[in-house]
Amino acid sequence: MTDIANSILAINANSKFIVHSEDASTVVWVEDTTPIAEADILAKQKELQTAYDNNKYQRDRAEEYPSIADQLDSLYHNGIDGWKTTIKAIKDKHPKE
């Protein structure tokens, strides 16, 4: 799905439309869907991109966290303090900004 389509659906999840490119001016509204202004679509697109960019640390952390099975094994063998040390190192590497 395109960014334009995701932006439209974020505004109105029930929208019915056809979009062939990343150009909001080319959206074709179908099934009596009330059109959404191009400026509103572009504003929503920018808002969604900003939210995505601001949460990069979460995606980076998720890639580095051990699996749940490995975390449970760490808790068993190293206790809560050992587990916290492992997780804190990842959080420190990818801080909230």
PDB file of N, CA and C in Angstrom:
ATOM      1  N   MET A   1       0.852  -1.177   0.000  1.00  0.00           N
ATOM      2  CA  MET A   1       0.000   0.000   0.000  1.00  0.00           C
ATOM      3  C   MET A   1       0.897   1.239   0.000  1.00  0.00           C
ATOM      4  N   THR A   2       0.474   2.244  -0.693  1.00  0.00           N
ATOM      5  CA  THR A   2       1.275   3.467  -0.809  1.00  0.00           C
ATOM      6  C   THR A   2       1.146   4.341   0.427  1.00  0.00           C
ATOM      7  N   ASP A   3       2.045   5.293   0.563  1.00  0.00           N
ATOM      8  CA  ASP A   3       1.959   6.252   1.659  1.00  0.00           C
ATOM      9  C   ASP A   3       0.697   7.094   1.559  1.00  0.00           C
ATOM     10  N   ILE A   4       0.323   7.440   0.323  1.00  0.00           N
ATOM     11  CA  ILE A   4      -0.901   8.217   0.133  1.00  0.00           C
ATOM     12  C   ILE A   4      -2.093   7.395   0.621  1.00  0.00           C
ATOM     13  N   ALA A   5      -2.143   6.132   0.242  1.00  0.00           N
ATOM     14  CA  ALA A   5      -3.252   5.272   0.666  1.00  0.00           C
ATOM     15  C   ALA A   5      -3.297   5.139   2.179  1.00  0.00           C
ATOM     16  N   ASN A   6      -2.139   4.929   2.807  1.00  0.00           N
ATOM     17  CA  ASN A   6      -2.096   4.827   4.273  1.00  0.00           C
ATOM     18  C   ASN A   6      -2.566   6.112   4.933  1.00  0.00           C
ATOM     19  N   SER A   7      -2.211   7.236   4.339  1.00  0.00           N
ATOM     20  CA  SER A   7      -2.627   8.528   4.883  1.00  0.00           C
ATOM     21  C   SER A   7      -4.133   8.698   4.792  1.00  0.00           C
ATOM     22  N   ILE A   8      -4.698   8.331   3.644  1.00  0.00           N
ATOM     23  CA  ILE A   8      -6.148   8.412   3.475  1.00  0.00           C
ATOM     24  C   ILE A   8      -6.852   7.525   4.491  1.00  0.00           C
ATOM     25  N   LEU A   9      -6.382   6.295   4.628  1.00  0.00           N
ATOM     26  CA  LEU A   9      -7.025   5.371   5.561  1.00  0.00           C
ATOM     27  C   LEU A   9      -6.857   5.797   7.015  1.00  0.00           C
ATOM     28  N   ALA A  10      -5.793   6.517   7.317  1.00  0.00           N
ATOM     29  CA  ALA A  10      -5.616   7.038   8.678  1.00  0.00           C
ATOM     30  C   ALA A  10      -6.637   8.132   8.978  1.00  0.00           C
ATOM     31  N   ILE A  11      -7.053   8.846   7.943  1.00  0.00           N
ATOM     32  CA  ILE A  11      -8.073   9.880   8.110  1.00  0.00           C
ATOM     33  C   ILE A  11      -9.463   9.259   8.172  1.00  0.00           C
ATOM     34  N   ASN A  12      -9.718   8.319   7.250  1.00  0.00           N
ATOM     35  CA  ASN A  12     -11.031   7.661   7.197  1.00  0.00           C
ATOM     36  C   ASN A  12     -10.818   6.219   6.769  1.00  0.00           C
ATOM     37  N   ALA A  13     -10.872   5.326   7.736  1.00  0.00           N
ATOM     38  CA  ALA A  13     -10.609   3.912   7.475  1.00  0.00           C
ATOM     39  C   ALA A  13     -11.628   3.274   6.538  1.00  0.00           C
ATOM     40  N   ASN A  14     -12.754   3.906   6.347  1.00  0.00           N
ATOM     41  CA  ASN A  14     -13.799   3.361   5.475  1.00  0.00           C
ATOM     42  C   ASN A  14     -13.757   3.939   4.065  1.00  0.00           C
ATOM     43  N   SER A  15     -12.755   4.738   3.770  1.00  0.00           N
ATOM     44  CA  SER A  15     -12.651   5.352   2.446  1.00  0.00           C
ATOM     45  C   SER A  15     -12.496   4.278   1.371  1.00  0.00           C
ATOM     46  N   LYS A  16     -13.110   4.541   0.226  1.00  0.00           N
ATOM     47  CA  LYS A  16     -12.972   3.686  -0.955  1.00  0.00           C
ATOM     48  C   LYS A  16     -12.380   4.568  -2.043  1.00  0.00           C
ATOM     49  N   PHE A  17     -11.251   4.160  -2.579  1.00  0.00           N
ATOM     50  CA  PHE A  17     -10.543   5.007  -3.539  1.00  0.00           C
ATOM     51  C   PHE A  17      -9.591   4.174  -4.373  1.00  0.00           C
ATOM     52  N   ILE A  18      -9.116   4.794  -5.431  1.00  0.00           N
ATOM     53  CA  ILE A  18      -8.080   4.209  -6.275  1.00  0.00           C
ATOM     54  C   ILE A  18      -6.956   5.227  -6.333  1.00  0.00           C
ATOM     55  N   VAL A  19      -5.740   4.754  -6.121  1.00  0.00           N
ATOM     56  CA  VAL A  19      -4.571   5.630  -6.214  1.00  0.00           C
ATOM     57  C   VAL A  19      -3.516   4.881  -7.021  1.00  0.00           C
ATOM     58  N   HIS A  20      -3.013   5.537  -8.050  1.00  0.00           N
ATOM     59  CA  HIS A  20      -2.047   4.899  -8.940  1.00  0.00           C
ATOM     60  C   HIS A  20      -0.623   5.386  -8.725  1.00  0.00           C
ATOM     61  N   SER A  21      -0.457   6.416  -7.956  1.00  0.00           N
ATOM     62  CA  SER A  21       0.882   6.961  -7.733  1.00  0.00           C
ATOM     63  C   SER A  21       0.904   7.647  -6.375  1.00  0.00           C
ATOM     64  N   GLU A  22       2.032   8.219  -6.070  1.00  0.00           N
ATOM     65  CA  GLU A  22       2.173   8.954  -4.809  1.00  0.00           C
ATOM     66  C   GLU A  22       1.784  10.416  -4.986  1.00  0.00           C
ATOM     67  N   ASP A  23       0.832  10.674  -5.842  1.00  0.00           N
ATOM     68  CA  ASP A  23       0.362  12.030  -6.101  1.00  0.00           C
ATOM     69  C   ASP A  23      -1.073  12.141  -5.594  1.00  0.00           C
ATOM     70  N   ALA A  24      -1.254  12.853  -4.491  1.00  0.00           N
ATOM     71  CA  ALA A  24      -2.575  12.946  -3.862  1.00  0.00           C
ATOM     72  C   ALA A  24      -3.618  13.581  -4.766  1.00  0.00           C
ATOM     73  N   SER A  25      -3.179  14.311  -5.760  1.00  0.00           N
ATOM     74  CA  SER A  25      -4.141  14.952  -6.660  1.00  0.00           C
ATOM     75  C   SER A  25      -4.761  13.971  -7.646  1.00  0.00           C
ATOM     76  N   THR A  26      -4.225  12.752  -7.719  1.00  0.00           N
ATOM     77  CA  THR A  26      -4.736  11.773  -8.680  1.00  0.00           C
ATOM     78  C   THR A  26      -5.662  10.733  -8.055  1.00  0.00           C
ATOM     79  N   VAL A  27      -6.004  10.896  -6.794  1.00  0.00           N
ATOM     80  CA  VAL A  27      -6.872   9.927  -6.119  1.00  0.00           C
ATOM     81  C   VAL A  27      -8.258   9.965  -6.764  1.00  0.00           C
ATOM     82  N   VAL A  28      -8.785   8.767  -7.037  1.00  0.00           N
ATOM     83  CA  VAL A  28     -10.146   8.638  -7.562  1.00  0.00           C
ATOM     84  C   VAL A  28     -11.004   8.077  -6.438  1.00  0.00           C
ATOM     85  N   TRP A  29     -12.007   8.800  -6.047  1.00  0.00           N
ATOM     86  CA  TRP A  29     -12.896   8.402  -4.955  1.00  0.00           C
ATOM     87  C   TRP A  29     -14.030   7.568  -5.543  1.00  0.00           C
ATOM     88  N   VAL A  30     -14.307   6.414  -4.932  1.00  0.00           N
ATOM     89  CA  VAL A  30     -15.344   5.513  -5.449  1.00  0.00           C
ATOM     90  C   VAL A  30     -16.361   5.182  -4.369  1.00  0.00           C
ATOM     91  N   GLU A  31     -17.445   4.571  -4.795  1.00  0.00           N
ATOM     92  CA  GLU A  31     -18.520   4.113  -3.903  1.00  0.00           C
ATOM     93  C   GLU A  31     -19.038   5.231  -2.993  1.00  0.00           C
ATOM     94  N   ASP A  32     -19.225   6.393  -3.561  1.00  0.00           N
ATOM     95  CA  ASP A  32     -19.791   7.541  -2.845  1.00  0.00           C
ATOM     96  C   ASP A  32     -18.968   7.985  -1.633  1.00  0.00           C
ATOM     97  N   THR A  33     -17.683   7.691  -1.654  1.00  0.00           N
ATOM     98  CA  THR A  33     -16.809   8.165  -0.575  1.00  0.00           C
ATOM     99  C   THR A  33     -16.662   9.681  -0.682  1.00  0.00           C
ATOM    100  N   THR A  34     -16.830  10.351   0.423  1.00  0.00           N
ATOM    101  CA  THR A  34     -16.627  11.797   0.455  1.00  0.00           C
ATOM    102  C   THR A  34     -15.142  12.076   0.262  1.00  0.00           C
ATOM    103  N   PRO A  35     -14.791  12.851  -0.759  1.00  0.00           N
ATOM    104  CA  PRO A  35     -13.378  13.128  -1.005  1.00  0.00           C
ATOM    105  C   PRO A  35     -12.716  13.838   0.187  1.00  0.00           C
ATOM    106  N   ILE A  36     -11.460  13.552   0.366  1.00  0.00           N
ATOM    107  CA  ILE A  36     -10.648  14.208   1.386  1.00  0.00           C
ATOM    108  C   ILE A  36      -9.747  15.191   0.658  1.00  0.00           C
ATOM    109  N   ALA A  37      -9.637  16.386   1.168  1.00  0.00           N
ATOM    110  CA  ALA A  37      -8.826  17.417   0.520  1.00  0.00           C
ATOM    111  C   ALA A  37      -7.369  16.975   0.411  1.00  0.00           C
ATOM    112  N   GLU A  38      -6.761  17.307  -0.710  1.00  0.00           N
ATOM    113  CA  GLU A  38      -5.358  16.963  -0.945  1.00  0.00           C
ATOM    114  C   GLU A  38      -4.468  17.489   0.174  1.00  0.00           C
ATOM    115  N   ALA A  39      -4.717  18.706   0.630  1.00  0.00           N
ATOM    116  CA  ALA A  39      -3.908  19.289   1.715  1.00  0.00           C
ATOM    117  C   ALA A  39      -4.021  18.465   2.992  1.00  0.00           C
ATOM    118  N   ASP A  40      -5.215  17.946   3.270  1.00  0.00           N
ATOM    119  CA  ASP A  40      -5.415  17.116   4.470  1.00  0.00           C
ATOM    120  C   ASP A  40      -4.662  15.790   4.343  1.00  0.00           C
ATOM    121  N   ILE A  41      -4.671  15.220   3.139  1.00  0.00           N
ATOM    122  CA  ILE A  41      -3.952  13.962   2.904  1.00  0.00           C
ATOM    123  C   ILE A  41      -2.457  14.184   3.098  1.00  0.00           C
ATOM    124  N   LEU A  42      -1.932  15.244   2.518  1.00  0.00           N
ATOM    125  CA  LEU A  42      -0.501  15.529   2.625  1.00  0.00           C
ATOM    126  C   LEU A  42      -0.089  15.857   4.057  1.00  0.00           C
ATOM    127  N   ALA A  43      -0.959  16.553   4.786  1.00  0.00           N
ATOM    128  CA  ALA A  43      -0.677  16.853   6.198  1.00  0.00           C
ATOM    129  C   ALA A  43      -0.637  15.572   7.018  1.00  0.00           C
ATOM    130  N   LYS A  44      -1.569  14.674   6.757  1.00  0.00           N
ATOM    131  CA  LYS A  44      -1.595  13.395   7.472  1.00  0.00           C
ATOM    132  C   LYS A  44      -0.366  12.571   7.119  1.00  0.00           C
ATOM    133  N   GLN A  45       0.035  12.602   5.849  1.00  0.00           N
ATOM    134  CA  GLN A  45       1.225  11.875   5.417  1.00  0.00           C
ATOM    135  C   GLN A  45       2.456  12.376   6.182  1.00  0.00           C
ATOM    136  N   LYS A  46       2.574  13.689   6.307  1.00  0.00           N
ATOM    137  CA  LYS A  46       3.701  14.273   7.040  1.00  0.00           C
ATOM    138  C   LYS A  46       3.639  13.884   8.524  1.00  0.00           C
ATOM    139  N   GLU A  47       2.437  13.910   9.102  1.00  0.00           N
ATOM    140  CA  GLU A  47       2.257  13.530  10.508  1.00  0.00           C
ATOM    141  C   GLU A  47       2.665  12.071  10.739  1.00  0.00           C
ATOM    142  N   LEU A  48       2.234  11.184   9.848  1.00  0.00           N
ATOM    143  CA  LEU A  48       2.572   9.764   9.984  1.00  0.00           C
ATOM    144  C   LEU A  48       4.068   9.535   9.821  1.00  0.00           C
ATOM    145  N   GLN A  49       4.704  10.262   8.890  1.00  0.00           N
ATOM    146  CA  GLN A  49       6.150  10.118   8.693  1.00  0.00           C
ATOM    147  C   GLN A  49       6.910  10.600   9.921  1.00  0.00           C
ATOM    148  N   THR A  50       6.466  11.701  10.503  1.00  0.00           N
ATOM    149  CA  THR A  50       7.111  12.224  11.708  1.00  0.00           C
ATOM    150  C   THR A  50       7.002  11.217  12.858  1.00  0.00           C
ATOM    151  N   ALA A  51       5.816  10.633  13.032  1.00  0.00           N
ATOM    152  CA  ALA A  51       5.631   9.632  14.086  1.00  0.00           C
ATOM    153  C   ALA A  51       6.535   8.428  13.842  1.00  0.00           C
ATOM    154  N   TYR A  52       6.636   7.997  12.590  1.00  0.00           N
ATOM    155  CA  TYR A  52       7.500   6.868  12.246  1.00  0.00           C
ATOM    156  C   TYR A  52       8.958   7.201  12.560  1.00  0.00           C
ATOM    157  N   ASP A  53       9.399   8.370  12.128  1.00  0.00           N
ATOM    158  CA  ASP A  53      10.783   8.786  12.373  1.00  0.00           C
ATOM    159  C   ASP A  53      11.082   8.895  13.860  1.00  0.00           C
ATOM    160  N   ASN A  54      10.129   9.414  14.639  1.00  0.00           N
ATOM    161  CA  ASN A  54      10.338   9.600  16.073  1.00  0.00           C
ATOM    162  C   ASN A  54      10.424   8.287  16.841  1.00  0.00           C
ATOM    163  N   ASN A  55       9.955   7.207  16.248  1.00  0.00           N
ATOM    164  CA  ASN A  55       9.967   5.916  16.938  1.00  0.00           C
ATOM    165  C   ASN A  55      11.048   4.975  16.420  1.00  0.00           C
ATOM    166  N   LYS A  56      12.060   5.521  15.761  1.00  0.00           N
ATOM    167  CA  LYS A  56      13.137   4.691  15.228  1.00  0.00           C
ATOM    168  C   LYS A  56      13.820   3.899  16.345  1.00  0.00           C
ATOM    169  N   TYR A  57      14.009   4.527  17.482  1.00  0.00           N
ATOM    170  CA  TYR A  57      14.668   3.838  18.593  1.00  0.00           C
ATOM    171  C   TYR A  57      13.930   2.548  18.963  1.00  0.00           C
ATOM    172  N   GLN A  58      12.600   2.551  18.868  1.00  0.00           N
ATOM    173  CA  GLN A  58      11.827   1.350  19.192  1.00  0.00           C
ATOM    174  C   GLN A  58      12.124   0.223  18.206  1.00  0.00           C
ATOM    175  N   ARG A  59      12.186   0.563  16.925  1.00  0.00           N
ATOM    176  CA  ARG A  59      12.476  -0.449  15.917  1.00  0.00           C
ATOM    177  C   ARG A  59      13.897  -0.987  16.078  1.00  0.00           C
ATOM    178  N   ASP A  60      14.837  -0.088  16.389  1.00  0.00           N
ATOM    179  CA  ASP A  60      16.223  -0.512  16.592  1.00  0.00           C
ATOM    180  C   ASP A  60      16.353  -1.428  17.804  1.00  0.00           C
ATOM    181  N   ARG A  61      15.678  -1.064  18.883  1.00  0.00           N
ATOM    182  CA  ARG A  61      15.721  -1.909  20.085  1.00  0.00           C
ATOM    183  C   ARG A  61      15.115  -3.282  19.800  1.00  0.00           C
ATOM    184  N   ALA A  62      13.982  -3.307  19.130  1.00  0.00           N
ATOM    185  CA  ALA A  62      13.283  -4.566  18.866  1.00  0.00           C
ATOM    186  C   ALA A  62      14.169  -5.546  18.101  1.00  0.00           C
ATOM    187  N   GLU A  63      14.994  -5.012  17.193  1.00  0.00           N
ATOM    188  CA  GLU A  63      15.896  -5.880  16.432  1.00  0.00           C
ATOM    189  C   GLU A  63      16.979  -6.484  17.311  1.00  0.00           C
ATOM    190  N   GLU A  64      17.354  -5.805  18.368  1.00  0.00           N
ATOM    191  CA  GLU A  64      18.464  -6.261  19.205  1.00  0.00           C
ATOM    192  C   GLU A  64      18.049  -7.025  20.453  1.00  0.00           C
ATOM    193  N   TYR A  65      16.812  -6.841  20.885  1.00  0.00           N
ATOM    194  CA  TYR A  65      16.382  -7.575  22.072  1.00  0.00           C
ATOM    195  C   TYR A  65      16.474  -9.074  21.818  1.00  0.00           C
ATOM    196  N   PRO A  66      16.932  -9.820  22.824  1.00  0.00           N
ATOM    197  CA  PRO A  66      16.905 -11.271  22.685  1.00  0.00           C
ATOM    198  C   PRO A  66      15.454 -11.759  22.602  1.00  0.00           C
ATOM    199  N   SER A  67      15.279 -12.952  22.061  1.00  0.00           N
ATOM    200  CA  SER A  67      13.935 -13.531  21.997  1.00  0.00           C
ATOM    201  C   SER A  67      13.402 -13.703  23.425  1.00  0.00           C
ATOM    202  N   ILE A  68      12.116 -13.847  23.554  1.00  0.00           N
ATOM    203  CA  ILE A  68      11.505 -14.054  24.880  1.00  0.00           C
ATOM    204  C   ILE A  68      12.097 -15.304  25.535  1.00  0.00           C
ATOM    205  N   ALA A  69      12.286 -16.347  24.750  1.00  0.00           N
ATOM    206  CA  ALA A  69      12.863 -17.587  25.299  1.00  0.00           C
ATOM    207  C   ALA A  69      14.260 -17.316  25.868  1.00  0.00           C
ATOM    208  N   ASP A  70      15.069 -16.557  25.128  1.00  0.00           N
ATOM    209  CA  ASP A  70      16.421 -16.236  25.608  1.00  0.00           C
ATOM    210  C   ASP A  70      16.375 -15.325  26.837  1.00  0.00           C
ATOM    211  N   GLN A  71      15.407 -14.415  26.874  1.00  0.00           N
ATOM    212  CA  GLN A  71      15.276 -13.543  28.044  1.00  0.00           C
ATOM    213  C   GLN A  71      14.869 -14.347  29.274  1.00  0.00           C
ATOM    214  N   LEU A  72      13.965 -15.282  29.097  1.00  0.00           N
ATOM    215  CA  LEU A  72      13.561 -16.127  30.229  1.00  0.00           C
ATOM    216  C   LEU A  72      14.728 -16.989  30.702  1.00  0.00           C
ATOM    217  N   ASP A  73      15.509 -17.489  29.760  1.00  0.00           N
ATOM    218  CA  ASP A  73      16.683 -18.282  30.116  1.00  0.00           C
ATOM    219  C   ASP A  73      17.676 -17.421  30.884  1.00  0.00           C
ATOM    220  N   SER A  74      17.844 -16.172  30.448  1.00  0.00           N
ATOM    221  CA  SER A  74      18.731 -15.247  31.148  1.00  0.00           C
ATOM    222  C   SER A  74      18.243 -14.983  32.563  1.00  0.00           C
ATOM    223  N   LEU A  75      16.936 -14.808  32.710  1.00  0.00           N
ATOM    224  CA  LEU A  75      16.382 -14.607  34.058  1.00  0.00           C
ATOM    225  C   LEU A  75      16.680 -15.801  34.952  1.00  0.00           C
ATOM    226  N   TYR A  76      16.513 -16.987  34.413  1.00  0.00           N
ATOM    227  CA  TYR A  76      16.737 -18.205  35.200  1.00  0.00           C
ATOM    228  C   TYR A  76      18.211 -18.314  35.612  1.00  0.00           C
ATOM    229  N   HIS A  77      19.120 -18.100  34.647  1.00  0.00           N
ATOM    230  CA  HIS A  77      20.543 -18.315  34.912  1.00  0.00           C
ATOM    231  C   HIS A  77      21.238 -17.116  35.554  1.00  0.00           C
ATOM    232  N   ASN A  78      20.782 -15.896  35.239  1.00  0.00           N
ATOM    233  CA  ASN A  78      21.501 -14.705  35.697  1.00  0.00           C
ATOM    234  C   ASN A  78      20.709 -13.843  36.674  1.00  0.00           C
ATOM    235  N   GLY A  79      19.457 -14.215  36.913  1.00  0.00           N
ATOM    236  CA  GLY A  79      18.623 -13.444  37.816  1.00  0.00           C
ATOM    237  C   GLY A  79      18.161 -12.145  37.170  1.00  0.00           C
ATOM    238  N   ILE A  80      17.345 -11.448  37.901  1.00  0.00           N
ATOM    239  CA  ILE A  80      16.758 -10.213  37.381  1.00  0.00           C
ATOM    240  C   ILE A  80      17.821  -9.158  37.089  1.00  0.00           C
ATOM    241  N   ASP A  81      18.848  -9.099  37.924  1.00  0.00           N
ATOM    242  CA  ASP A  81      19.890  -8.093  37.715  1.00  0.00           C
ATOM    243  C   ASP A  81      20.677  -8.359  36.430  1.00  0.00           C
ATOM    244  N   GLY A  82      20.957  -9.621  36.140  1.00  0.00           N
ATOM    245  CA  GLY A  82      21.656  -9.969  34.900  1.00  0.00           C
ATOM    246  C   GLY A  82      20.803  -9.637  33.684  1.00  0.00           C
ATOM    247  N   TRP A  83      19.520  -9.952  33.770  1.00  0.00           N
ATOM    248  CA  TRP A  83      18.594  -9.640  32.676  1.00  0.00           C
ATOM    249  C   TRP A  83      18.520  -8.136  32.463  1.00  0.00           C
ATOM    250  N   LYS A  84      18.391  -7.372  33.568  1.00  0.00           N
ATOM    251  CA  LYS A  84      18.318  -5.913  33.474  1.00  0.00           C
ATOM    252  C   LYS A  84      19.569  -5.337  32.819  1.00  0.00           C
ATOM    253  N   THR A  85      20.737  -5.889  33.131  1.00  0.00           N
ATOM    254  CA  THR A  85      21.992  -5.413  32.539  1.00  0.00           C
ATOM    255  C   THR A  85      21.966  -5.575  31.020  1.00  0.00           C
ATOM    256  N   THR A  86      21.498  -6.727  30.553  1.00  0.00           N
ATOM    257  CA  THR A  86      21.409  -6.986  29.105  1.00  0.00           C
ATOM    258  C   THR A  86      20.453  -6.012  28.438  1.00  0.00           C
ATOM    259  N   ILE A  87      19.282  -5.840  29.008  1.00  0.00           N
ATOM    260  CA  ILE A  87      18.264  -4.968  28.414  1.00  0.00           C
ATOM    261  C   ILE A  87      18.696  -3.511  28.480  1.00  0.00           C
ATOM    262  N   LYS A  88      19.307  -3.110  29.603  1.00  0.00           N
ATOM    263  CA  LYS A  88      19.751  -1.716  29.755  1.00  0.00           C
ATOM    264  C   LYS A  88      20.801  -1.365  28.713  1.00  0.00           C
ATOM    265  N   ALA A  89      21.688  -2.292  28.400  1.00  0.00           N
ATOM    266  CA  ALA A  89      22.720  -2.023  27.391  1.00  0.00           C
ATOM    267  C   ALA A  89      22.079  -1.704  26.035  1.00  0.00           C
ATOM    268  N   ILE A  90      21.018  -2.403  25.691  1.00  0.00           N
ATOM    269  CA  ILE A  90      20.318  -2.159  24.432  1.00  0.00           C
ATOM    270  C   ILE A  90      19.588  -0.816  24.489  1.00  0.00           C
ATOM    271  N   LYS A  91      18.937  -0.548  25.620  1.00  0.00           N
ATOM    272  CA  LYS A  91      18.231   0.728  25.773  1.00  0.00           C
ATOM    273  C   LYS A  91      19.209   1.907  25.730  1.00  0.00           C
ATOM    274  N   ASP A  92      20.376   1.737  26.332  1.00  0.00           N
ATOM    275  CA  ASP A  92      21.374   2.799  26.313  1.00  0.00           C
ATOM    276  C   ASP A  92      21.937   3.008  24.912  1.00  0.00           C
ATOM    277  N   LYS A  93      22.060   1.944  24.144  1.00  0.00           N
ATOM    278  CA  LYS A  93      22.566   2.026  22.779  1.00  0.00           C
ATOM    279  C   LYS A  93      21.584   2.751  21.864  1.00  0.00           C
ATOM    280  N   HIS A  94      20.276   2.583  22.143  1.00  0.00           N
ATOM    281  CA  HIS A  94      19.214   3.189  21.333  1.00  0.00           C
ATOM    282  C   HIS A  94      18.269   3.985  22.242  1.00  0.00           C
ATOM    283  N   PRO A  95      18.719   5.151  22.725  1.00  0.00           N
ATOM    284  CA  PRO A  95      17.888   5.929  23.654  1.00  0.00           C
ATOM    285  C   PRO A  95      16.692   6.595  22.969  1.00  0.00           C
ATOM    286  N   LYS A  96      15.688   6.906  23.780  1.00  0.00           N
ATOM    287  CA  LYS A  96      14.589   7.736  23.289  1.00  0.00           C
ATOM    288  C   LYS A  96      15.185   9.102  23.001  1.00  0.00           C
ATOM    289  N   GLU A  97      14.739   9.703  21.940  1.00  0.00           N
ATOM    290  CA  GLU A  97      15.313  11.013  21.605  1.00  0.00           C
ATOM    291  C   GLU A  97      14.361  12.118  21.902  1.00  0.00           C
TER     292      GLU A  97
END
